[in-house]
C-alpha atoms as a PDB file:
ATOM      1  CA  UNK A   1       6.659 -19.075 -11.394  1.00  0.00           C
ATOM      2  CA  UNK A   2       4.059 -16.891 -12.586  1.00  0.00           C
ATOM      3  CA  UNK A   3       2.372 -17.156  -9.335  1.00  0.00           C
ATOM      4  CA  UNK A   4       5.441 -15.733  -7.149  1.00  0.00           C
ATOM      5  CA  UNK A   5       5.955 -12.631 -10.056  1.00  0.00           C
ATOM      6  CA  UNK A   6       2.243 -12.024  -9.621  1.00  0.00           C
ATOM      7  CA  UNK A   7       2.587 -11.730  -5.915  1.00  0.00           C
ATOM      8  CA  UNK A   8       5.766  -9.867  -5.693  1.00  0.00           C
ATOM      9  CA  UNK A   9       4.518  -7.347  -8.096  1.00  0.00           C
ATOM     10  CA  UNK A  10       1.345  -6.728  -5.967  1.00  0.00           C
ATOM     11  CA  UNK A  11       3.551  -6.917  -2.890  1.00  0.00           C
ATOM     12  CA  UNK A  12       5.383  -3.786  -4.143  1.00  0.00           C
ATOM     13  CA  UNK A  13       2.793  -2.005  -5.327  1.00  0.00           C
ATOM     14  CA  UNK A  14       1.037  -2.314  -2.355  1.00  0.00           C
ATOM     15  CA  UNK A  15       3.674  -1.422  -0.228  1.00  0.00           C
ATOM     16  CA  UNK A  16       4.926   1.446  -2.034  1.00  0.00           C
ATOM     17  CA  UNK A  17       1.608   2.939  -1.828  1.00  0.00           C
ATOM     18  CA  UNK A  18       1.868   2.288   1.990  1.00  0.00           C
ATOM     19  CA  UNK A  19       5.111   4.204   2.253  1.00  0.00           C
ATOM     20  CA  UNK A  20       4.267   7.110  -0.118  1.00  0.00           C
ATOM     21  CA  UNK A  21       1.118   7.782   1.410  1.00  0.00           C
ATOM     22  CA  UNK A  22       2.925   8.028   4.929  1.00  0.00           C
ATOM     23  CA  UNK A  23       5.544   9.977   3.495  1.00  0.00           C
ATOM     24  CA  UNK A  24       3.381  12.370   1.783  1.00  0.00           C
ATOM     25  CA  UNK A  25       0.656  12.560   4.728  1.00  0.00           C
ATOM     26  CA  UNK A  26       3.349  13.496   6.825  1.00  0.00           C
ATOM     27  CA  UNK A  27       4.759  16.114   4.549  1.00  0.00           C
ATOM     28  CA  UNK A  28       1.436  17.603   4.000  1.00  0.00           C
ATOM     29  CA  UNK A  29       0.528  17.698   7.638  1.00  0.00           C
ATOM     30  CA  UNK A  30      -0.368  21.206   7.661  1.00  0.00           C
ATOM     31  CA  UNK A  31      -3.386  20.434   4.747  1.00  0.00           C
ATOM     32  CA  UNK A  32      -6.408  18.079   6.409  1.00  0.00           C
ATOM     33  CA  UNK A  33      -7.554  17.414   3.042  1.00  0.00           C
ATOM     34  CA  UNK A  34      -4.422  16.230   1.718  1.00  0.00           C
ATOM     35  CA  UNK A  35      -4.237  14.448   4.732  1.00  0.00           C
ATOM     36  CA  UNK A  36      -7.195  12.511   4.285  1.00  0.00           C
ATOM     37  CA  UNK A  37      -6.217  11.693   0.649  1.00  0.00           C
ATOM     38  CA  UNK A  38      -2.981  10.142   1.403  1.00  0.00           C
ATOM     39  CA  UNK A  39      -4.444   8.407   4.505  1.00  0.00           C
ATOM     40  CA  UNK A  40      -6.796   6.741   1.982  1.00  0.00           C
ATOM     41  CA  UNK A  41      -3.610   5.914  -0.592  1.00  0.00           C
ATOM     42  CA  UNK A  42      -1.566   4.370   2.665  1.00  0.00           C
ATOM     43  CA  UNK A  43      -4.997   2.277   4.163  1.00  0.00           C
ATOM     44  CA  UNK A  44      -5.420   0.634   0.107  1.00  0.00           C
ATOM     45  CA  UNK A  45      -2.002  -0.024  -0.279  1.00  0.00           C
ATOM     46  CA  UNK A  46      -1.896  -1.568   3.109  1.00  0.00           C
ATOM     47  CA  UNK A  47      -4.565  -3.694   2.052  1.00  0.00           C
ATOM     48  CA  UNK A  48      -3.090  -4.916  -0.953  1.00  0.00           C
ATOM     49  CA  UNK A  49       0.168  -5.927   0.561  1.00  0.00           C
ATOM     50  CA  UNK A  50      -1.535  -7.841   3.261  1.00  0.00           C
ATOM     51  CA  UNK A  51      -4.117  -9.362   0.839  1.00  0.00           C
ATOM     52  CA  UNK A  52      -1.112 -10.384  -1.453  1.00  0.00           C
ATOM     53  CA  UNK A  53       0.557 -12.027   1.421  1.00  0.00           C
ATOM     54  CA  UNK A  54      -2.574 -13.478   2.677  1.00  0.00           C
ATOM     55  CA  UNK A  55      -3.617 -15.259  -0.448  1.00  0.00           C
ATOM     56  CA  UNK A  56       0.198 -16.387  -1.480  1.00  0.00           C
ATOM     57  CA  UNK A  57       0.736 -17.947   1.889  1.00  0.00           C
ATOM     58  CA  UNK A  58      -2.517 -19.052   2.868  1.00  0.00           C
ATOM     59  CA  UNK A  59      -3.893 -20.624  -0.401  1.00  0.00           C
END
């Protein structure tokens, strides 16, 4: 049970970072520095979500 809770939490955090990063990147598309920061946040969020799914379903 504990493994599923941790998996869901990491998945939600990763997907939340990905979605909000993309949202704000689109919202602040006129500022190149903000786009760079939100792109990095989106990539980190995607990596967290993929890693959580990979670890849960492969190991």
